[in-house]
C-alpha atoms as a PDB file:
ATOM      1  CA  UNK A   1      68.870   3.285 -89.601  1.00  0.00           C
ATOM      2  CA  UNK A   2      65.735   1.879 -87.713  1.00  0.00           C
ATOM      3  CA  UNK A   3      63.102   2.989 -90.228  1.00  0.00           C
ATOM      4  CA  UNK A   4      64.972   0.859 -92.952  1.00  0.00           C
ATOM      5  CA  UNK A   5      65.613  -1.750 -90.870  1.00  0.00           C
ATOM      6  CA  UNK A   6      61.697  -1.622 -89.745  1.00  0.00           C
ATOM      7  CA  UNK A   7      60.824  -1.444 -93.305  1.00  0.00           C
ATOM      8  CA  UNK A   8      63.136  -4.455 -94.363  1.00  0.00           C
ATOM      9  CA  UNK A   9      61.564  -6.688 -91.301  1.00  0.00           C
ATOM     10  CA  UNK A  10      57.971  -5.355 -92.603  1.00  0.00           C
ATOM     11  CA  UNK A  11      58.430  -6.467 -96.485  1.00  0.00           C
ATOM     12  CA  UNK A  12      60.252  -9.545 -95.600  1.00  0.00           C
ATOM     13  CA  UNK A  13      57.421 -10.245 -93.008  1.00  0.00           C
ATOM     14  CA  UNK A  14      54.526  -9.590 -95.809  1.00  0.00           C
ATOM     15  CA  UNK A  15      56.771 -12.021 -98.538  1.00  0.00           C
ATOM     16  CA  UNK A  16      57.134 -14.667 -95.956  1.00  0.00           C
ATOM     17  CA  UNK A  17      53.348 -14.239 -95.296  1.00  0.00           C
ATOM     18  CA  UNK A  18      52.460 -14.438 -98.922  1.00  0.00           C
ATOM     19  CA  UNK A  19      54.662 -17.558 -99.596  1.00  0.00           C
ATOM     20  CA  UNK A  20      52.740 -19.189 -96.096  1.00  0.00           C
ATOM     21  CA  UNK A  21      49.179 -18.061 -97.956  1.00  0.00           C
ATOM     22  CA  UNK A  22      50.711 -19.733-101.468  1.00  0.00           C
ATOM     23  CA  UNK A  23      52.213 -22.882 -99.700  1.00  0.00           C
ATOM     24  CA  UNK A  24      49.028 -23.998 -97.249  1.00  0.00           C
ATOM     25  CA  UNK A  25      46.744 -23.441-100.709  1.00  0.00           C
ATOM     26  CA  UNK A  26      49.331 -25.738-102.492  1.00  0.00           C
ATOM     27  CA  UNK A  27      49.002 -28.339-100.288  1.00  0.00           C
ATOM     28  CA  UNK A  28      45.094 -28.256 -99.587  1.00  0.00           C
ATOM     29  CA  UNK A  29      44.232 -28.042-102.819  1.00  0.00           C
ATOM     30  CA  UNK A  30      47.175 -31.440-103.371  1.00  0.00           C
ATOM     31  CA  UNK A  31      45.690 -32.903-100.584  1.00  0.00           C
ATOM     32  CA  UNK A  32      41.736 -32.474-101.908  1.00  0.00           C
ATOM     33  CA  UNK A  33      42.776 -34.254-105.135  1.00  0.00           C
ATOM     34  CA  UNK A  34      44.821 -36.727-104.076  1.00  0.00           C
ATOM     35  CA  UNK A  35      41.948 -37.481-101.472  1.00  0.00           C
ATOM     36  CA  UNK A  36      39.301 -37.742-103.682  1.00  0.00           C
ATOM     37  CA  UNK A  37      41.154 -40.279-106.148  1.00  0.00           C
ATOM     38  CA  UNK A  38      42.130 -42.175-103.470  1.00  0.00           C
ATOM     39  CA  UNK A  39      38.262 -42.463-102.268  1.00  0.00           C
ATOM     40  CA  UNK A  40      36.631 -42.832-105.668  1.00  0.00           C
ATOM     41  CA  UNK A  41      39.343 -44.942-107.340  1.00  0.00           C
ATOM     42  CA  UNK A  42      38.369 -48.984-107.957  1.00  0.00           C
ATOM     43  CA  UNK A  43      41.870 -49.861-107.195  1.00  0.00           C
ATOM     44  CA  UNK A  44      42.200 -47.738-104.068  1.00  0.00           C
ATOM     45  CA  UNK A  45      39.235 -46.972-101.428  1.00  0.00           C
ATOM     46  CA  UNK A  46      37.088 -48.980-104.080  1.00  0.00           C
ATOM     47  CA  UNK A  47      34.411 -45.975-103.474  1.00  0.00           C
ATOM     48  CA  UNK A  48      33.536 -45.396-106.830  1.00  0.00           C
ATOM     49  CA  UNK A  49      30.084 -42.975-105.735  1.00  0.00           C
ATOM     50  CA  UNK A  50      30.920 -39.703-106.833  1.00  0.00           C
ATOM     51  CA  UNK A  51      27.416 -37.700-106.377  1.00  0.00           C
ATOM     52  CA  UNK A  52      27.516 -39.319-103.421  1.00  0.00           C
ATOM     53  CA  UNK A  53      30.808 -37.964-101.749  1.00  0.00           C
ATOM     54  CA  UNK A  54      29.874 -34.573-103.497  1.00  0.00           C
ATOM     55  CA  UNK A  55      26.760 -34.247-101.847  1.00  0.00           C
ATOM     56  CA  UNK A  56      28.816 -35.295 -98.074  1.00  0.00           C
ATOM     57  CA  UNK A  57      30.974 -32.239 -98.711  1.00  0.00           C
ATOM     58  CA  UNK A  58      27.968 -29.794 -99.877  1.00  0.00           C
ATOM     59  CA  UNK A  59      26.215 -30.846 -96.757  1.00  0.00           C
ATOM     60  CA  UNK A  60      28.957 -30.588 -94.389  1.00  0.00           C
ATOM     61  CA  UNK A  61      30.535 -27.024 -95.948  1.00  0.00           C
ATOM     62  CA  UNK A  62      27.081 -25.631 -95.979  1.00  0.00           C
ATOM     63  CA  UNK A  63      26.426 -26.897 -92.210  1.00  0.00           C
ATOM     64  CA  UNK A  64      29.762 -25.281 -90.860  1.00  0.00           C
ATOM     65  CA  UNK A  65      28.964 -22.066 -92.771  1.00  0.00           C
ATOM     66  CA  UNK A  66      25.546 -21.266 -91.351  1.00  0.00           C
ATOM     67  CA  UNK A  67      27.163 -21.929 -88.134  1.00  0.00           C
ATOM     68  CA  UNK A  68      30.031 -19.977 -88.774  1.00  0.00           C
ATOM     69  CA  UNK A  69      27.406 -16.556 -89.789  1.00  0.00           C
ATOM     70  CA  UNK A  70      24.601 -17.523 -87.618  1.00  0.00           C
ATOM     71  CA  UNK A  71      26.198 -18.488 -84.361  1.00  0.00           C
ATOM     72  CA  UNK A  72      29.787 -16.933 -84.699  1.00  0.00           C
ATOM     73  CA  UNK A  73      28.863 -13.870 -86.924  1.00  0.00           C
ATOM     74  CA  UNK A  74      32.562 -14.406 -88.317  1.00  0.00           C
ATOM     75  CA  UNK A  75      31.418 -12.882 -91.598  1.00  0.00           C
ATOM     76  CA  UNK A  76      27.741 -11.253 -92.078  1.00  0.00           C
ATOM     77  CA  UNK A  77      25.776 -12.500 -94.607  1.00  0.00           C
ATOM     78  CA  UNK A  78      25.030 -10.701 -98.296  1.00  0.00           C
ATOM     79  CA  UNK A  79      21.736  -8.905 -98.528  1.00  0.00           C
ATOM     80  CA  UNK A  80      19.877 -10.546-100.999  1.00  0.00           C
ATOM     81  CA  UNK A  81      15.779 -10.821-102.451  1.00  0.00           C
ATOM     82  CA  UNK A  82      14.347 -14.416-103.050  1.00  0.00           C
ATOM     83  CA  UNK A  83      14.327 -13.048-106.980  1.00  0.00           C
ATOM     84  CA  UNK A  84      17.935 -12.312-106.951  1.00  0.00           C
ATOM     85  CA  UNK A  85      18.662 -15.830-105.236  1.00  0.00           C
ATOM     86  CA  UNK A  86      16.474 -17.787-108.115  1.00  0.00           C
ATOM     87  CA  UNK A  87      18.123 -15.393-111.052  1.00  0.00           C
ATOM     88  CA  UNK A  88      21.411 -15.075-110.126  1.00  0.00           C
ATOM     89  CA  UNK A  89      22.731 -18.115-107.447  1.00  0.00           C
ATOM     90  CA  UNK A  90      20.569 -20.973-108.353  1.00  0.00           C
ATOM     91  CA  UNK A  91      21.818 -20.957-111.933  1.00  0.00           C
ATOM     92  CA  UNK A  92      25.581 -20.403-110.635  1.00  0.00           C
ATOM     93  CA  UNK A  93      24.920 -23.694-108.014  1.00  0.00           C
ATOM     94  CA  UNK A  94      23.477 -25.751-110.544  1.00  0.00           C
ATOM     95  CA  UNK A  95      26.585 -24.978-112.668  1.00  0.00           C
ATOM     96  CA  UNK A  96      28.820 -25.766-109.871  1.00  0.00           C
ATOM     97  CA  UNK A  97      27.143 -29.142-108.699  1.00  0.00           C
ATOM     98  CA  UNK A  98      27.522 -30.325-112.264  1.00  0.00           C
ATOM     99  CA  UNK A  99      31.163 -29.318-112.638  1.00  0.00           C
ATOM    100  CA  UNK A 100      31.873 -30.699-109.359  1.00  0.00           C
ATOM    101  CA  UNK A 101      29.973 -34.362-110.141  1.00  0.00           C
ATOM    102  CA  UNK A 102      31.712 -34.663-112.925  1.00  0.00           C
ATOM    103  CA  UNK A 103      34.872 -33.263-112.026  1.00  0.00           C
ATOM    104  CA  UNK A 104      35.201 -36.060-109.645  1.00  0.00           C
ATOM    105  CA  UNK A 105      33.534 -38.527-111.677  1.00  0.00           C
ATOM    106  CA  UNK A 106      36.619 -38.410-114.003  1.00  0.00           C
ATOM    107  CA  UNK A 107      38.890 -39.878-110.898  1.00  0.00           C
ATOM    108  CA  UNK A 108      37.425 -43.194-111.236  1.00  0.00           C
ATOM    109  CA  UNK A 109      38.261 -43.380-115.124  1.00  0.00           C
ATOM    110  CA  UNK A 110      41.709 -41.061-115.163  1.00  0.00           C
ATOM    111  CA  UNK A 111      44.771 -40.764-113.363  1.00  0.00           C
ATOM    112  CA  UNK A 112      45.679 -37.190-111.604  1.00  0.00           C
ATOM    113  CA  UNK A 113      48.458 -36.751-113.899  1.00  0.00           C
ATOM    114  CA  UNK A 114      45.905 -36.840-117.138  1.00  0.00           C
ATOM    115  CA  UNK A 115      43.512 -34.819-115.515  1.00  0.00           C
ATOM    116  CA  UNK A 116      45.572 -31.973-114.396  1.00  0.00           C
ATOM    117  CA  UNK A 117      46.673 -31.781-118.222  1.00  0.00           C
ATOM    118  CA  UNK A 118      42.798 -31.486-119.564  1.00  0.00           C
ATOM    119  CA  UNK A 119      41.962 -28.797-117.069  1.00  0.00           C
ATOM    120  CA  UNK A 120      44.860 -26.474-118.943  1.00  0.00           C
ATOM    121  CA  UNK A 121      42.070 -25.923-121.106  1.00  0.00           C
ATOM    122  CA  UNK A 122      40.343 -23.899-118.512  1.00  0.00           C
ATOM    123  CA  UNK A 123      41.729 -20.758-119.792  1.00  0.00           C
ATOM    124  CA  UNK A 124      40.459 -21.446-123.184  1.00  0.00           C
ATOM    125  CA  UNK A 125      37.238 -22.290-122.101  1.00  0.00           C
ATOM    126  CA  UNK A 126      36.737 -19.490-119.985  1.00  0.00           C
ATOM    127  CA  UNK A 127      37.671 -16.926-122.875  1.00  0.00           C
ATOM    128  CA  UNK A 128      35.418 -18.585-125.254  1.00  0.00           C
ATOM    129  CA  UNK A 129      32.234 -18.829-123.485  1.00  0.00           C
ATOM    130  CA  UNK A 130      32.921 -15.388-122.552  1.00  0.00           C
ATOM    131  CA  UNK A 131      33.522 -14.168-125.922  1.00  0.00           C
ATOM    132  CA  UNK A 132      29.830 -16.039-126.525  1.00  0.00           C
ATOM    133  CA  UNK A 133      28.143 -14.367-124.068  1.00  0.00           C
ATOM    134  CA  UNK A 134      29.739 -10.798-124.432  1.00  0.00           C
ATOM    135  CA  UNK A 135      32.038 -10.948-121.442  1.00  0.00           C
ATOM    136  CA  UNK A 136      34.997 -10.702-123.177  1.00  0.00           C
ATOM    137  CA  UNK A 137      36.216  -9.168-126.223  1.00  0.00           C
ATOM    138  CA  UNK A 138      37.246 -11.487-129.369  1.00  0.00           C
ATOM    139  CA  UNK A 139      41.066 -10.976-129.953  1.00  0.00           C
ATOM    140  CA  UNK A 140      42.642 -13.120-132.806  1.00  0.00           C
ATOM    141  CA  UNK A 141      46.346 -12.954-130.750  1.00  0.00           C
ATOM    142  CA  UNK A 142      44.174 -14.089-127.934  1.00  0.00           C
ATOM    143  CA  UNK A 143      42.517 -16.785-129.473  1.00  0.00           C
ATOM    144  CA  UNK A 144      45.588 -18.060-131.555  1.00  0.00           C
ATOM    145  CA  UNK A 145      47.429 -18.295-128.013  1.00  0.00           C
ATOM    146  CA  UNK A 146      43.760 -20.342-126.632  1.00  0.00           C
ATOM    147  CA  UNK A 147      44.685 -22.777-129.884  1.00  0.00           C
ATOM    148  CA  UNK A 148      48.083 -23.383-129.186  1.00  0.00           C
ATOM    149  CA  UNK A 149      46.898 -24.616-125.586  1.00  0.00           C
ATOM    150  CA  UNK A 150      44.593 -26.963-126.907  1.00  0.00           C
ATOM    151  CA  UNK A 151      46.832 -28.008-129.149  1.00  0.00           C
ATOM    152  CA  UNK A 152      49.288 -29.078-126.593  1.00  0.00           C
ATOM    153  CA  UNK A 153      46.479 -30.474-124.489  1.00  0.00           C
ATOM    154  CA  UNK A 154      45.503 -32.727-127.768  1.00  0.00           C
ATOM    155  CA  UNK A 155      49.268 -33.597-127.830  1.00  0.00           C
ATOM    156  CA  UNK A 156      49.132 -34.827-124.320  1.00  0.00           C
ATOM    157  CA  UNK A 157      46.077 -36.952-124.697  1.00  0.00           C
ATOM    158  CA  UNK A 158      47.312 -38.158-127.421  1.00  0.00           C
ATOM    159  CA  UNK A 159      50.228 -39.308-125.689  1.00  0.00           C
ATOM    160  CA  UNK A 160      48.311 -40.588-122.876  1.00  0.00           C
ATOM    161  CA  UNK A 161      48.646 -44.274-121.917  1.00  0.00           C
ATOM    162  CA  UNK A 162      45.341 -45.021-120.336  1.00  0.00           C
ATOM    163  CA  UNK A 163      43.216 -42.745-122.386  1.00  0.00           C
ATOM    164  CA  UNK A 164      39.875 -43.642-121.608  1.00  0.00           C
ATOM    165  CA  UNK A 165      37.203 -41.838-123.776  1.00  0.00           C
ATOM    166  CA  UNK A 166      34.334 -41.883-120.931  1.00  0.00           C
ATOM    167  CA  UNK A 167      36.837 -40.378-118.689  1.00  0.00           C
ATOM    168  CA  UNK A 168      37.875 -37.144-120.964  1.00  0.00           C
ATOM    169  CA  UNK A 169      34.435 -36.435-121.771  1.00  0.00           C
ATOM    170  CA  UNK A 170      33.286 -36.316-118.103  1.00  0.00           C
ATOM    171  CA  UNK A 171      36.319 -33.786-117.286  1.00  0.00           C
ATOM    172  CA  UNK A 172      36.200 -31.772-120.492  1.00  0.00           C
ATOM    173  CA  UNK A 173      32.258 -31.457-119.255  1.00  0.00           C
ATOM    174  CA  UNK A 174      33.198 -30.396-115.769  1.00  0.00           C
ATOM    175  CA  UNK A 175      36.275 -28.047-117.705  1.00  0.00           C
ATOM    176  CA  UNK A 176      33.029 -26.677-119.794  1.00  0.00           C
ATOM    177  CA  UNK A 177      30.246 -25.986-116.970  1.00  0.00           C
ATOM    178  CA  UNK A 178      32.481 -24.772-114.412  1.00  0.00           C
ATOM    179  CA  UNK A 179      33.834 -21.856-116.818  1.00  0.00           C
ATOM    180  CA  UNK A 180      30.220 -21.316-117.710  1.00  0.00           C
ATOM    181  CA  UNK A 181      30.004 -21.030-113.634  1.00  0.00           C
ATOM    182  CA  UNK A 182      32.759 -18.457-113.669  1.00  0.00           C
ATOM    183  CA  UNK A 183      31.837 -16.013-116.282  1.00  0.00           C
ATOM    184  CA  UNK A 184      27.906 -16.337-114.883  1.00  0.00           C
ATOM    185  CA  UNK A 185      29.455 -15.175-111.834  1.00  0.00           C
ATOM    186  CA  UNK A 186      30.886 -11.803-112.983  1.00  0.00           C
ATOM    187  CA  UNK A 187      27.741 -11.495-114.914  1.00  0.00           C
ATOM    188  CA  UNK A 188      24.776 -12.055-112.421  1.00  0.00           C
ATOM    189  CA  UNK A 189      26.566 -11.264-109.197  1.00  0.00           C
ATOM    190  CA  UNK A 190      30.201  -8.879-109.806  1.00  0.00           C
ATOM    191  CA  UNK A 191      28.155  -6.350-112.223  1.00  0.00           C
ATOM    192  CA  UNK A 192      25.564  -6.053-109.682  1.00  0.00           C
ATOM    193  CA  UNK A 193      27.860  -5.588-106.839  1.00  0.00           C
ATOM    194  CA  UNK A 194      27.253  -9.013-105.144  1.00  0.00           C
ATOM    195  CA  UNK A 195      30.406  -9.983-103.834  1.00  0.00           C
ATOM    196  CA  UNK A 196      30.776 -13.350-102.391  1.00  0.00           C
ATOM    197  CA  UNK A 197      33.649 -15.144-100.366  1.00  0.00           C
ATOM    198  CA  UNK A 198      34.296 -18.461-100.221  1.00  0.00           C
ATOM    199  CA  UNK A 199      32.528 -19.065 -96.491  1.00  0.00           C
ATOM    200  CA  UNK A 200      29.016 -16.769 -97.722  1.00  0.00           C
ATOM    201  CA  UNK A 201      29.694 -18.496-101.100  1.00  0.00           C
ATOM    202  CA  UNK A 202      29.050 -21.880 -99.544  1.00  0.00           C
ATOM    203  CA  UNK A 203      26.184 -20.390 -97.060  1.00  0.00           C
ATOM    204  CA  UNK A 204      24.298 -19.464-100.517  1.00  0.00           C
ATOM    205  CA  UNK A 205      24.864 -22.110-103.080  1.00  0.00           C
ATOM    206  CA  UNK A 206      26.239 -25.510-100.466  1.00  0.00           C
ATOM    207  CA  UNK A 207      22.227 -25.756-100.175  1.00  0.00           C
ATOM    208  CA  UNK A 208      21.191 -25.598-103.720  1.00  0.00           C
ATOM    209  CA  UNK A 209      24.227 -27.866-104.870  1.00  0.00           C
ATOM    210  CA  UNK A 210      23.006 -30.599-102.545  1.00  0.00           C
ATOM    211  CA  UNK A 211      19.006 -30.493-104.081  1.00  0.00           C
ATOM    212  CA  UNK A 212      20.335 -30.539-107.325  1.00  0.00           C
ATOM    213  CA  UNK A 213      22.868 -33.591-106.976  1.00  0.00           C
ATOM    214  CA  UNK A 214      20.202 -35.311-104.917  1.00  0.00           C
ATOM    215  CA  UNK A 215      17.959 -35.530-107.966  1.00  0.00           C
ATOM    216  CA  UNK A 216      20.509 -37.621-110.006  1.00  0.00           C
ATOM    217  CA  UNK A 217      21.498 -39.227-106.614  1.00  0.00           C
ATOM    218  CA  UNK A 218      18.365 -41.179-106.296  1.00  0.00           C
ATOM    219  CA  UNK A 219      18.096 -42.433-109.699  1.00  0.00           C
ATOM    220  CA  UNK A 220      21.715 -43.449-110.304  1.00  0.00           C
ATOM    221  CA  UNK A 221      23.702 -43.962-107.006  1.00  0.00           C
ATOM    222  CA  UNK A 222      20.993 -44.647-104.213  1.00  0.00           C
ATOM    223  CA  UNK A 223      19.524 -48.090-105.835  1.00  0.00           C
ATOM    224  CA  UNK A 224      23.441 -49.239-105.894  1.00  0.00           C
ATOM    225  CA  UNK A 225      23.900 -47.892-102.422  1.00  0.00           C
ATOM    226  CA  UNK A 226      20.790 -49.853-101.234  1.00  0.00           C
ATOM    227  CA  UNK A 227      22.288 -53.440-103.043  1.00  0.00           C
ATOM    228  CA  UNK A 228      25.876 -52.997-101.586  1.00  0.00           C
ATOM    229  CA  UNK A 229      24.716 -54.371 -97.861  1.00  0.00           C
ATOM    230  CA  UNK A 230      28.530 -54.227 -96.717  1.00  0.00           C
ATOM    231  CA  UNK A 231      28.803 -50.690 -97.320  1.00  0.00           C
ATOM    232  CA  UNK A 232      29.217 -48.670 -94.085  1.00  0.00           C
ATOM    233  CA  UNK A 233      29.671 -45.038 -93.516  1.00  0.00           C
ATOM    234  CA  UNK A 234      33.360 -44.229 -92.368  1.00  0.00           C
ATOM    235  CA  UNK A 235      33.211 -40.691 -90.683  1.00  0.00           C
ATOM    236  CA  UNK A 236      37.047 -40.753 -90.081  1.00  0.00           C
ATOM    237  CA  UNK A 237      37.399 -40.838 -94.216  1.00  0.00           C
ATOM    238  CA  UNK A 238      34.533 -38.831 -95.082  1.00  0.00           C
ATOM    239  CA  UNK A 239      34.814 -36.703 -92.011  1.00  0.00           C
ATOM    240  CA  UNK A 240      38.336 -35.617 -92.735  1.00  0.00           C
ATOM    241  CA  UNK A 241      37.626 -35.221 -96.725  1.00  0.00           C
ATOM    242  CA  UNK A 242      34.857 -32.789 -95.742  1.00  0.00           C
ATOM    243  CA  UNK A 243      37.137 -30.610 -93.714  1.00  0.00           C
ATOM    244  CA  UNK A 244      40.244 -30.752 -96.306  1.00  0.00           C
ATOM    245  CA  UNK A 245      37.321 -29.461 -98.586  1.00  0.00           C
ATOM    246  CA  UNK A 246      36.201 -26.715 -96.754  1.00  0.00           C
ATOM    247  CA  UNK A 247      39.584 -25.773 -95.521  1.00  0.00           C
ATOM    248  CA  UNK A 248      40.324 -25.676 -99.384  1.00  0.00           C
ATOM    249  CA  UNK A 249      37.722 -22.812-100.019  1.00  0.00           C
ATOM    250  CA  UNK A 250      38.886 -20.908 -96.609  1.00  0.00           C
ATOM    251  CA  UNK A 251      42.510 -20.901 -98.106  1.00  0.00           C
ATOM    252  CA  UNK A 252      40.996 -19.706-101.546  1.00  0.00           C
ATOM    253  CA  UNK A 253      39.402 -16.920 -99.618  1.00  0.00           C
ATOM    254  CA  UNK A 254      43.299 -15.954 -97.871  1.00  0.00           C
ATOM    255  CA  UNK A 255      44.989 -16.420-100.770  1.00  0.00           C
ATOM    256  CA  UNK A 256      43.368 -13.545-103.227  1.00  0.00           C
ATOM    257  CA  UNK A 257      42.228 -11.358-100.546  1.00  0.00           C
ATOM    258  CA  UNK A 258      45.771 -11.467 -99.219  1.00  0.00           C
ATOM    259  CA  UNK A 259      47.872 -11.821-102.554  1.00  0.00           C
ATOM    260  CA  UNK A 260      45.584 -11.855-105.547  1.00  0.00           C
ATOM    261  CA  UNK A 261      43.832 -13.785-107.938  1.00  0.00           C
ATOM    262  CA  UNK A 262      46.942 -14.274-110.570  1.00  0.00           C
ATOM    263  CA  UNK A 263      48.895 -15.469-108.230  1.00  0.00           C
ATOM    264  CA  UNK A 264      46.085 -18.032-107.207  1.00  0.00           C
ATOM    265  CA  UNK A 265      46.731 -19.041-111.174  1.00  0.00           C
ATOM    266  CA  UNK A 266      50.808 -19.130-111.081  1.00  0.00           C
ATOM    267  CA  UNK A 267      50.056 -21.005-107.568  1.00  0.00           C
ATOM    268  CA  UNK A 268      47.971 -23.606-109.576  1.00  0.00           C
ATOM    269  CA  UNK A 269      50.593 -24.284-112.230  1.00  0.00           C
ATOM    270  CA  UNK A 270      53.037 -25.543-109.407  1.00  0.00           C
ATOM    271  CA  UNK A 271      50.241 -27.349-107.741  1.00  0.00           C
ATOM    272  CA  UNK A 272      49.629 -29.119-111.125  1.00  0.00           C
ATOM    273  CA  UNK A 273      52.984 -29.659-111.732  1.00  0.00           C
ATOM    274  CA  UNK A 274      53.766 -31.622-108.282  1.00  0.00           C
ATOM    275  CA  UNK A 275      50.578 -33.386-108.721  1.00  0.00           C
ATOM    276  CA  UNK A 276      51.798 -34.956-112.236  1.00  0.00           C
ATOM    277  CA  UNK A 277      55.296 -35.661-110.033  1.00  0.00           C
ATOM    278  CA  UNK A 278      53.347 -37.345-107.178  1.00  0.00           C
ATOM    279  CA  UNK A 279      51.203 -39.508-109.662  1.00  0.00           C
ATOM    280  CA  UNK A 280      53.903 -41.056-111.654  1.00  0.00           C
ATOM    281  CA  UNK A 281      56.034 -41.484-108.611  1.00  0.00           C
ATOM    282  CA  UNK A 282      53.818 -42.730-105.704  1.00  0.00           C
ATOM    283  CA  UNK A 283      50.588 -43.554-107.361  1.00  0.00           C
ATOM    284  CA  UNK A 284      52.375 -44.816-109.976  1.00  0.00           C
ATOM    285  CA  UNK A 285      50.582 -43.616-113.139  1.00  0.00           C
ATOM    286  CA  UNK A 286      52.206 -43.660-116.564  1.00  0.00           C
ATOM    287  CA  UNK A 287      53.430 -40.322-117.724  1.00  0.00           C
ATOM    288  CA  UNK A 288      54.566 -40.804-121.185  1.00  0.00           C
ATOM    289  CA  UNK A 289      57.387 -37.592-122.981  1.00  0.00           C
ATOM    290  CA  UNK A 290      54.796 -36.620-125.335  1.00  0.00           C
ATOM    291  CA  UNK A 291      52.181 -36.364-122.587  1.00  0.00           C
ATOM    292  CA  UNK A 292      55.162 -33.890-120.707  1.00  0.00           C
ATOM    293  CA  UNK A 293      56.022 -32.162-124.351  1.00  0.00           C
ATOM    294  CA  UNK A 294      51.912 -31.573-124.758  1.00  0.00           C
ATOM    295  CA  UNK A 295      51.580 -30.228-121.361  1.00  0.00           C
ATOM    296  CA  UNK A 296      54.749 -28.323-121.359  1.00  0.00           C
ATOM    297  CA  UNK A 297      53.286 -26.296-125.020  1.00  0.00           C
ATOM    298  CA  UNK A 298      49.864 -25.602-122.860  1.00  0.00           C
ATOM    299  CA  UNK A 299      51.947 -24.759-119.367  1.00  0.00           C
ATOM    300  CA  UNK A 300      53.366 -21.768-122.019  1.00  0.00           C
ATOM    301  CA  UNK A 301      50.396 -20.902-123.885  1.00  0.00           C
ATOM    302  CA  UNK A 302      48.619 -20.677-119.783  1.00  0.00           C
ATOM    303  CA  UNK A 303      52.119 -18.578-118.440  1.00  0.00           C
ATOM    304  CA  UNK A 304      51.283 -15.739-121.687  1.00  0.00           C
ATOM    305  CA  UNK A 305      48.149 -15.820-121.037  1.00  0.00           C
ATOM    306  CA  UNK A 306      48.294 -14.846-117.494  1.00  0.00           C
ATOM    307  CA  UNK A 307      51.312 -12.761-118.633  1.00  0.00           C
ATOM    308  CA  UNK A 308      48.988 -10.916-120.788  1.00  0.00           C
ATOM    309  CA  UNK A 309      46.399 -10.663-118.274  1.00  0.00           C
ATOM    310  CA  UNK A 310      48.892  -9.141-115.689  1.00  0.00           C
ATOM    311  CA  UNK A 311      49.758  -6.351-118.271  1.00  0.00           C
ATOM    312  CA  UNK A 312      46.147  -5.111-118.731  1.00  0.00           C
ATOM    313  CA  UNK A 313      45.784  -5.173-115.135  1.00  0.00           C
ATOM    314  CA  UNK A 314      48.942  -2.930-114.847  1.00  0.00           C
ATOM    315  CA  UNK A 315      47.641  -0.738-117.935  1.00  0.00           C
ATOM    316  CA  UNK A 316      44.239  -0.319-116.421  1.00  0.00           C
ATOM    317  CA  UNK A 317      45.210   0.430-113.009  1.00  0.00           C
ATOM    318  CA  UNK A 318      47.618   2.822-114.654  1.00  0.00           C
ATOM    319  CA  UNK A 319      44.968   4.285-116.599  1.00  0.00           C
ATOM    320  CA  UNK A 320      42.571   4.912-113.444  1.00  0.00           C
ATOM    321  CA  UNK A 321      45.972   6.889-111.659  1.00  0.00           C
ATOM    322  CA  UNK A 322      46.390   9.127-114.583  1.00  0.00           C
ATOM    323  CA  UNK A 323      42.435   9.663-114.361  1.00  0.00           C
ATOM    324  CA  UNK A 324      42.497  10.773-110.895  1.00  0.00           C
ATOM    325  CA  UNK A 325      45.261  13.022-111.189  1.00  0.00           C
ATOM    326  CA  UNK A 326      43.639  14.951-113.584  1.00  0.00           C
ATOM    327  CA  UNK A 327      40.297  15.048-111.329  1.00  0.00           C
ATOM    328  CA  UNK A 328      42.516  16.409-108.776  1.00  0.00           C
ATOM    329  CA  UNK A 329      44.463  19.121-110.640  1.00  0.00           C
ATOM    330  CA  UNK A 330      40.568  19.964-112.237  1.00  0.00           C
ATOM    331  CA  UNK A 331      39.525  20.369-109.117  1.00  0.00           C
ATOM    332  CA  UNK A 332      43.034  22.546-108.207  1.00  0.00           C
ATOM    333  CA  UNK A 333      42.327  24.921-110.608  1.00  0.00           C
ATOM    334  CA  UNK A 334      38.799  25.283-109.908  1.00  0.00           C
ATOM    335  CA  UNK A 335      39.969  26.336-106.716  1.00  0.00           C
ATOM    336  CA  UNK A 336      42.493  29.080-107.725  1.00  0.00           C
ATOM    337  CA  UNK A 337      39.919  30.199-110.418  1.00  0.00           C
ATOM    338  CA  UNK A 338      37.211  31.094-107.471  1.00  0.00           C
ATOM    339  CA  UNK A 339      40.416  32.790-105.222  1.00  0.00           C
ATOM    340  CA  UNK A 340      40.950  34.803-108.267  1.00  0.00           C
ATOM    341  CA  UNK A 341      37.475  35.951-108.451  1.00  0.00           C
ATOM    342  CA  UNK A 342      37.139  36.059-105.100  1.00  0.00           C
ATOM    343  CA  UNK A 343      40.205  38.801-105.128  1.00  0.00           C
ATOM    344  CA  UNK A 344      38.880  40.727-107.628  1.00  0.00           C
ATOM    345  CA  UNK A 345      35.399  41.815-105.886  1.00  0.00           C
END
């Protein structure tokens, strides 16, 4: 009775912790998106400088990551040669800087709700680029599902009340660069046995992003900022915004490390619906029935894609267990055969 109760308490505790990690990640992800929208939107805080905002994030996150690794030794840095850094980390940093720059720029032109709908194309982009780079196997069933997701997003875009072509181009570009980055992480890092958690990722990637972003910043935003004589750096706004961005990276580490990447994908769907509801009810963005119908179709496609991924992972785990049991059985047979031979001698 005592053991059963202890087991029950342990299971309940584990479930509660998992839900806590999910809730923290949703809250921080929600906060960062809404906060960035608030800062960049001309109707709100009216500070439309996405490159500068992203550079502030990268400077803060890289500084904090260096302190956590070099001073407090929270995690150990990954052993990496200069050649590996230049060949593997720098391309990923370049793609990450472009993805962040374009995605933050899109908040100036598009509503939060519509941006979340466009982000539903991420599985389509990841799968398509994976097939092109021979990291994924082409399957007609999967591609049909990808087309259904794209069709749903197209309907949502058609029903968008405040459609902006440039904003859509920026967001689609961000999705394409982010998808390429995710595939290259598997090719350039994971396949080489280099695994980076969010702190070590920021330690290696954030300074690289800062350098890449400084190039367009010098030509695009610096001249405008110089002309804006009334500008003053708001430490409260940008400081708390940067803290939220860093905390989000730690929340990703906790969520994936303590649960799974699939849990994060499911939690992401919940977060997207919450953001759409918040955008409609609080920010007063227009969400049309056609928006919701299109995103609903895309949502079903993404859900089916995640389901197929889960089934594939389960099948892979089952195959590993069968192989392990076969190897164990083979070893037992070898031991028994040797024992028989020794008895005969």
